[in-house]
């Protein structure tokens, strides 16, 4: 399968990239700084910004599916919502329907799945980022595409275990999960339609 990947230089994006190539997929990855990605067989690196329609369209053209792991680091101008809007527009123009988007537990109707202490932390220090993720989800859900929004718990850099909890049951509580396991779950959704138009937690 050919995948268009956005957020490839972030922690989760790098795991998606490595595991997808290991599984024999091909990848087109958009990167503002292509030097952050090592050349590899099956990887096409496109230099550009996710807010610029031209490289976004170039990345998506010919893809079977899109994986979006865009993230911000507490800045005042998060890119999630606006960048995802460019991706959705390009998908429609290119006739690509399947998109997997990573947001976070605590977004939307999953707020109560996060412990009170962390909810307070989000409200105090991650307000702009969480608002961008909220808007990102709204735009994805309104896209008319075959979307799945994946909401992980607290991300770590541990190894892939293949052992994690996932689903749409709102009793699932946020816990720590390796980015490698989030990537594992994402890639499984490429051939599994169980969570189309749903927002599974993974933790």
C-alpha atoms as a PDB file:
ATOM      1  CA  UNK A   1       0.000   0.000   0.000  1.00  0.00           C
ATOM      2  CA  UNK A   2       1.191   3.543  -0.717  1.00  0.00           C
ATOM      3  CA  UNK A   3       0.833   5.892   2.260  1.00  0.00           C
ATOM      4  CA  UNK A   4       1.043   9.682   2.399  1.00  0.00           C
ATOM      5  CA  UNK A   5       2.531  10.556   5.793  1.00  0.00           C
ATOM      6  CA  UNK A   6       2.317  13.921   7.530  1.00  0.00           C
ATOM      7  CA  UNK A   7       4.270  14.478  10.744  1.00  0.00           C
ATOM      8  CA  UNK A   8       6.990  12.028   9.709  1.00  0.00           C
ATOM      9  CA  UNK A   9       9.736  13.779  11.703  1.00  0.00           C
ATOM     10  CA  UNK A  10       7.834  13.599  15.004  1.00  0.00           C
ATOM     11  CA  UNK A  11       8.095  10.748  17.476  1.00  0.00           C
ATOM     12  CA  UNK A  12       4.999   8.846  16.369  1.00  0.00           C
ATOM     13  CA  UNK A  13       5.538   9.680  12.707  1.00  0.00           C
ATOM     14  CA  UNK A  14       9.028   8.188  12.765  1.00  0.00           C
ATOM     15  CA  UNK A  15       7.617   4.972  14.206  1.00  0.00           C
ATOM     16  CA  UNK A  16       4.922   4.849  11.521  1.00  0.00           C
ATOM     17  CA  UNK A  17       7.558   5.411   8.847  1.00  0.00           C
ATOM     18  CA  UNK A  18       9.918   2.711  10.107  1.00  0.00           C
ATOM     19  CA  UNK A  19       7.242   0.094  10.694  1.00  0.00           C
ATOM     20  CA  UNK A  20       5.448   0.798   7.407  1.00  0.00           C
ATOM     21  CA  UNK A  21       8.647   0.343   5.409  1.00  0.00           C
ATOM     22  CA  UNK A  22       9.410  -2.855   7.324  1.00  0.00           C
ATOM     23  CA  UNK A  23       5.980  -4.151   6.330  1.00  0.00           C
ATOM     24  CA  UNK A  24       6.625  -3.439   2.664  1.00  0.00           C
ATOM     25  CA  UNK A  25       4.511  -0.324   2.272  1.00  0.00           C
ATOM     26  CA  UNK A  26       5.779   2.650   0.281  1.00  0.00           C
ATOM     27  CA  UNK A  27       5.679   6.140   1.785  1.00  0.00           C
ATOM     28  CA  UNK A  28       5.519   9.723   0.566  1.00  0.00           C
ATOM     29  CA  UNK A  29       6.492  11.916   3.517  1.00  0.00           C
ATOM     30  CA  UNK A  30       6.216  15.693   3.723  1.00  0.00           C
ATOM     31  CA  UNK A  31       8.931  17.408   5.769  1.00  0.00           C
ATOM     32  CA  UNK A  32       9.822  21.057   6.246  1.00  0.00           C
ATOM     33  CA  UNK A  33      13.427  19.917   6.726  1.00  0.00           C
ATOM     34  CA  UNK A  34      14.049  16.829   4.567  1.00  0.00           C
ATOM     35  CA  UNK A  35      17.493  16.374   6.153  1.00  0.00           C
ATOM     36  CA  UNK A  36      15.711  15.078   9.265  1.00  0.00           C
ATOM     37  CA  UNK A  37      14.672  11.954   7.359  1.00  0.00           C
ATOM     38  CA  UNK A  38      17.163   9.346   6.187  1.00  0.00           C
ATOM     39  CA  UNK A  39      16.733   8.121   2.606  1.00  0.00           C
ATOM     40  CA  UNK A  40      15.330   4.593   2.372  1.00  0.00           C
ATOM     41  CA  UNK A  41      13.974   2.212  -0.218  1.00  0.00           C
ATOM     42  CA  UNK A  42      10.275   2.826  -0.629  1.00  0.00           C
ATOM     43  CA  UNK A  43      10.443   6.361   0.794  1.00  0.00           C
ATOM     44  CA  UNK A  44       9.864   9.537  -1.191  1.00  0.00           C
ATOM     45  CA  UNK A  45      10.648  12.682   0.784  1.00  0.00           C
ATOM     46  CA  UNK A  46       8.882  15.887  -0.232  1.00  0.00           C
ATOM     47  CA  UNK A  47      10.183  19.215   1.026  1.00  0.00           C
ATOM     48  CA  UNK A  48       7.436  21.590   2.076  1.00  0.00           C
ATOM     49  CA  UNK A  49       5.094  22.992   4.680  1.00  0.00           C
ATOM     50  CA  UNK A  50       1.756  21.369   5.481  1.00  0.00           C
ATOM     51  CA  UNK A  51       0.090  24.782   5.125  1.00  0.00           C
ATOM     52  CA  UNK A  52       1.229  25.022   1.494  1.00  0.00           C
ATOM     53  CA  UNK A  53      -1.295  23.277  -0.804  1.00  0.00           C
ATOM     54  CA  UNK A  54       1.187  22.408  -3.586  1.00  0.00           C
ATOM     55  CA  UNK A  55       3.551  20.072  -1.676  1.00  0.00           C
ATOM     56  CA  UNK A  56       0.622  18.620   0.284  1.00  0.00           C
ATOM     57  CA  UNK A  57      -1.102  17.671  -2.975  1.00  0.00           C
ATOM     58  CA  UNK A  58       2.170  16.284  -4.337  1.00  0.00           C
ATOM     59  CA  UNK A  59       2.508  14.099  -1.245  1.00  0.00           C
ATOM     60  CA  UNK A  60      -1.041  12.734  -1.498  1.00  0.00           C
ATOM     61  CA  UNK A  61      -1.206  12.167  -5.248  1.00  0.00           C
ATOM     62  CA  UNK A  62      -1.313   8.431  -5.913  1.00  0.00           C
ATOM     63  CA  UNK A  63      -1.685   7.411  -2.259  1.00  0.00           C
ATOM     64  CA  UNK A  64      -4.001   4.660  -1.081  1.00  0.00           C
ATOM     65  CA  UNK A  65      -4.318   6.207   2.387  1.00  0.00           C
ATOM     66  CA  UNK A  66      -3.147   9.154   4.467  1.00  0.00           C
ATOM     67  CA  UNK A  67      -1.725   9.035   7.987  1.00  0.00           C
ATOM     68  CA  UNK A  68      -1.574  12.340   9.861  1.00  0.00           C
ATOM     69  CA  UNK A  69       0.500  12.540  13.044  1.00  0.00           C
ATOM     70  CA  UNK A  70       0.902  16.321  13.070  1.00  0.00           C
ATOM     71  CA  UNK A  71       1.710  17.702  16.511  1.00  0.00           C
ATOM     72  CA  UNK A  72       2.680  20.875  18.315  1.00  0.00           C
ATOM     73  CA  UNK A  73       4.825  21.459  21.355  1.00  0.00           C
ATOM     74  CA  UNK A  74       2.947  24.048  23.349  1.00  0.00           C
ATOM     75  CA  UNK A  75       3.463  26.883  20.888  1.00  0.00           C
ATOM     76  CA  UNK A  76       0.911  29.619  20.415  1.00  0.00           C
ATOM     77  CA  UNK A  77       0.306  28.793  16.765  1.00  0.00           C
ATOM     78  CA  UNK A  78      -0.467  25.047  16.569  1.00  0.00           C
ATOM     79  CA  UNK A  79      -0.627  23.613  13.076  1.00  0.00           C
ATOM     80  CA  UNK A  80      -2.961  20.650  13.617  1.00  0.00           C
ATOM     81  CA  UNK A  81      -6.278  22.135  12.474  1.00  0.00           C
ATOM     82  CA  UNK A  82      -5.064  24.298   9.599  1.00  0.00           C
ATOM     83  CA  UNK A  83      -2.609  21.687   8.352  1.00  0.00           C
ATOM     84  CA  UNK A  84      -5.230  18.969   8.447  1.00  0.00           C
ATOM     85  CA  UNK A  85      -7.622  21.183   6.486  1.00  0.00           C
ATOM     86  CA  UNK A  86      -5.011  21.431   3.700  1.00  0.00           C
ATOM     87  CA  UNK A  87      -4.643  17.637   3.776  1.00  0.00           C
ATOM     88  CA  UNK A  88      -8.402  17.071   3.551  1.00  0.00           C
ATOM     89  CA  UNK A  89      -8.707  19.482   0.626  1.00  0.00           C
ATOM     90  CA  UNK A  90      -5.888  17.723  -1.236  1.00  0.00           C
ATOM     91  CA  UNK A  91      -7.389  14.298  -0.555  1.00  0.00           C
ATOM     92  CA  UNK A  92     -10.668  15.351  -2.123  1.00  0.00           C
ATOM     93  CA  UNK A  93      -8.858  16.835  -5.115  1.00  0.00           C
ATOM     94  CA  UNK A  94      -6.812  13.637  -5.581  1.00  0.00           C
ATOM     95  CA  UNK A  95      -9.667  11.203  -4.952  1.00  0.00           C
ATOM     96  CA  UNK A  96      -8.094   9.644  -1.846  1.00  0.00           C
ATOM     97  CA  UNK A  97     -10.638   8.660   0.814  1.00  0.00           C
ATOM     98  CA  UNK A  98      -8.922   6.860   3.719  1.00  0.00           C
ATOM     99  CA  UNK A  99      -7.327   8.957   6.465  1.00  0.00           C
ATOM    100  CA  UNK A 100      -6.020   8.073   9.922  1.00  0.00           C
ATOM    101  CA  UNK A 101      -5.466  11.022  12.253  1.00  0.00           C
ATOM    102  CA  UNK A 102      -3.755  10.983  15.647  1.00  0.00           C
ATOM    103  CA  UNK A 103      -5.062  13.426  18.252  1.00  0.00           C
ATOM    104  CA  UNK A 104      -5.106  12.660  21.998  1.00  0.00           C
ATOM    105  CA  UNK A 105      -7.210  11.298  24.795  1.00  0.00           C
ATOM    106  CA  UNK A 106      -8.742  14.316  26.495  1.00  0.00           C
ATOM    107  CA  UNK A 107      -9.998  15.759  23.205  1.00  0.00           C
ATOM    108  CA  UNK A 108     -13.709  16.014  22.481  1.00  0.00           C
ATOM    109  CA  UNK A 109     -15.926  13.483  24.208  1.00  0.00           C
ATOM    110  CA  UNK A 110     -12.884  11.674  25.661  1.00  0.00           C
ATOM    111  CA  UNK A 111     -12.167  14.384  28.237  1.00  0.00           C
ATOM    112  CA  UNK A 112     -13.451  12.276  31.125  1.00  0.00           C
ATOM    113  CA  UNK A 113     -11.119   9.437  30.119  1.00  0.00           C
ATOM    114  CA  UNK A 114      -8.184  11.511  31.369  1.00  0.00           C
ATOM    115  CA  UNK A 115      -7.359  11.863  35.057  1.00  0.00           C
ATOM    116  CA  UNK A 116      -8.401  15.119  36.701  1.00  0.00           C
ATOM    117  CA  UNK A 117      -4.799  16.114  37.434  1.00  0.00           C
ATOM    118  CA  UNK A 118      -3.819  15.865  33.783  1.00  0.00           C
ATOM    119  CA  UNK A 119      -7.006  17.607  32.642  1.00  0.00           C
ATOM    120  CA  UNK A 120      -6.004  20.517  34.869  1.00  0.00           C
ATOM    121  CA  UNK A 121      -2.495  20.456  33.363  1.00  0.00           C
ATOM    122  CA  UNK A 122      -3.954  20.493  29.845  1.00  0.00           C
ATOM    123  CA  UNK A 123      -6.193  23.426  30.682  1.00  0.00           C
ATOM    124  CA  UNK A 124      -3.315  25.404  32.177  1.00  0.00           C
ATOM    125  CA  UNK A 125      -0.420  24.701  29.815  1.00  0.00           C
ATOM    126  CA  UNK A 126      -1.719  23.050  26.640  1.00  0.00           C
ATOM    127  CA  UNK A 127      -4.809  25.152  26.012  1.00  0.00           C
ATOM    128  CA  UNK A 128      -3.822  26.259  22.481  1.00  0.00           C
ATOM    129  CA  UNK A 129      -2.687  22.772  21.446  1.00  0.00           C
ATOM    130  CA  UNK A 130      -5.801  21.056  22.761  1.00  0.00           C
ATOM    131  CA  UNK A 131      -8.036  23.661  21.094  1.00  0.00           C
ATOM    132  CA  UNK A 132      -6.253  22.989  17.797  1.00  0.00           C
ATOM    133  CA  UNK A 133      -6.794  19.246  18.212  1.00  0.00           C
ATOM    134  CA  UNK A 134     -10.474  19.845  18.991  1.00  0.00           C
ATOM    135  CA  UNK A 135     -10.826  21.855  15.769  1.00  0.00           C
ATOM    136  CA  UNK A 136      -8.795  19.244  13.893  1.00  0.00           C
ATOM    137  CA  UNK A 137     -11.280  16.554  14.911  1.00  0.00           C
ATOM    138  CA  UNK A 138     -14.253  18.720  13.925  1.00  0.00           C
ATOM    139  CA  UNK A 139     -12.820  19.246  10.443  1.00  0.00           C
ATOM    140  CA  UNK A 140     -11.977  15.571   9.954  1.00  0.00           C
ATOM    141  CA  UNK A 141     -15.447  14.452  11.040  1.00  0.00           C
ATOM    142  CA  UNK A 142     -17.061  16.930   8.654  1.00  0.00           C
ATOM    143  CA  UNK A 143     -14.873  15.904   5.704  1.00  0.00           C
ATOM    144  CA  UNK A 144     -17.113  13.191   4.274  1.00  0.00           C
ATOM    145  CA  UNK A 145     -14.025  10.962   3.944  1.00  0.00           C
ATOM    146  CA  UNK A 146     -13.340   7.524   5.420  1.00  0.00           C
ATOM    147  CA  UNK A 147     -11.687   8.748   8.603  1.00  0.00           C
ATOM    148  CA  UNK A 148     -10.525   7.214  11.831  1.00  0.00           C
ATOM    149  CA  UNK A 149      -9.336   9.457  14.668  1.00  0.00           C
ATOM    150  CA  UNK A 150      -6.942   7.657  16.999  1.00  0.00           C
ATOM    151  CA  UNK A 151      -6.635   9.053  20.529  1.00  0.00           C
ATOM    152  CA  UNK A 152      -3.575   7.766  22.406  1.00  0.00           C
ATOM    153  CA  UNK A 153      -2.827   8.175  26.079  1.00  0.00           C
ATOM    154  CA  UNK A 154       0.484   9.539  27.387  1.00  0.00           C
ATOM    155  CA  UNK A 155       3.167   8.859  24.793  1.00  0.00           C
ATOM    156  CA  UNK A 156       6.528   7.299  25.616  1.00  0.00           C
ATOM    157  CA  UNK A 157       9.538   6.239  23.570  1.00  0.00           C
ATOM    158  CA  UNK A 158       9.515   2.626  24.710  1.00  0.00           C
ATOM    159  CA  UNK A 159       9.736  -0.375  22.355  1.00  0.00           C
ATOM    160  CA  UNK A 160       6.787  -1.872  20.528  1.00  0.00           C
ATOM    161  CA  UNK A 161       5.064  -4.409  22.761  1.00  0.00           C
ATOM    162  CA  UNK A 162       1.984  -5.238  20.713  1.00  0.00           C
ATOM    163  CA  UNK A 163       0.109  -5.331  24.015  1.00  0.00           C
ATOM    164  CA  UNK A 164      -2.212  -2.387  24.532  1.00  0.00           C
ATOM    165  CA  UNK A 165      -5.851  -1.554  25.127  1.00  0.00           C
ATOM    166  CA  UNK A 166      -7.940   0.042  22.409  1.00  0.00           C
ATOM    167  CA  UNK A 167     -11.539   0.739  21.496  1.00  0.00           C
ATOM    168  CA  UNK A 168     -14.389   3.216  21.712  1.00  0.00           C
ATOM    169  CA  UNK A 169     -15.569   2.242  25.192  1.00  0.00           C
ATOM    170  CA  UNK A 170     -15.509   5.468  27.236  1.00  0.00           C
ATOM    171  CA  UNK A 171     -14.511   3.498  30.338  1.00  0.00           C
ATOM    172  CA  UNK A 172     -11.017   3.120  28.850  1.00  0.00           C
ATOM    173  CA  UNK A 173      -8.782   5.444  30.861  1.00  0.00           C
ATOM    174  CA  UNK A 174      -5.702   7.223  29.602  1.00  0.00           C
ATOM    175  CA  UNK A 175      -2.422   5.553  30.473  1.00  0.00           C
ATOM    176  CA  UNK A 176       1.066   5.572  29.069  1.00  0.00           C
ATOM    177  CA  UNK A 177       1.702   3.946  25.700  1.00  0.00           C
ATOM    178  CA  UNK A 178       4.760   3.673  23.492  1.00  0.00           C
ATOM    179  CA  UNK A 179       4.674   5.627  20.251  1.00  0.00           C
ATOM    180  CA  UNK A 180       5.756   2.382  18.600  1.00  0.00           C
ATOM    181  CA  UNK A 181       2.525   0.721  19.760  1.00  0.00           C
ATOM    182  CA  UNK A 182       0.453   3.655  18.505  1.00  0.00           C
ATOM    183  CA  UNK A 183       2.138   3.233  15.118  1.00  0.00           C
ATOM    184  CA  UNK A 184       1.386  -0.491  15.228  1.00  0.00           C
ATOM    185  CA  UNK A 185      -2.303   0.229  15.831  1.00  0.00           C
ATOM    186  CA  UNK A 186      -2.425   2.860  13.081  1.00  0.00           C
ATOM    187  CA  UNK A 187      -0.956   0.566  10.457  1.00  0.00           C
ATOM    188  CA  UNK A 188      -3.399  -2.208  11.350  1.00  0.00           C
ATOM    189  CA  UNK A 189      -6.259   0.186  10.570  1.00  0.00           C
ATOM    190  CA  UNK A 190      -5.155   0.401   6.933  1.00  0.00           C
ATOM    191  CA  UNK A 191      -6.762  -2.982   6.292  1.00  0.00           C
ATOM    192  CA  UNK A 192      -9.387  -2.940   9.043  1.00  0.00           C
ATOM    193  CA  UNK A 193     -12.613  -0.984   8.620  1.00  0.00           C
ATOM    194  CA  UNK A 194     -13.865  -1.571  12.175  1.00  0.00           C
ATOM    195  CA  UNK A 195     -13.159   1.987  13.288  1.00  0.00           C
ATOM    196  CA  UNK A 196     -14.136   3.998  10.225  1.00  0.00           C
ATOM    197  CA  UNK A 197     -15.985   7.125  11.386  1.00  0.00           C
ATOM    198  CA  UNK A 198     -14.993   6.345  14.989  1.00  0.00           C
ATOM    199  CA  UNK A 199     -12.541   7.695  17.575  1.00  0.00           C
ATOM    200  CA  UNK A 200     -10.829   4.743  19.258  1.00  0.00           C
ATOM    201  CA  UNK A 201      -8.614   5.247  22.276  1.00  0.00           C
ATOM    202  CA  UNK A 202      -5.324   3.391  22.398  1.00  0.00           C
ATOM    203  CA  UNK A 203      -3.509   3.104  25.696  1.00  0.00           C
END
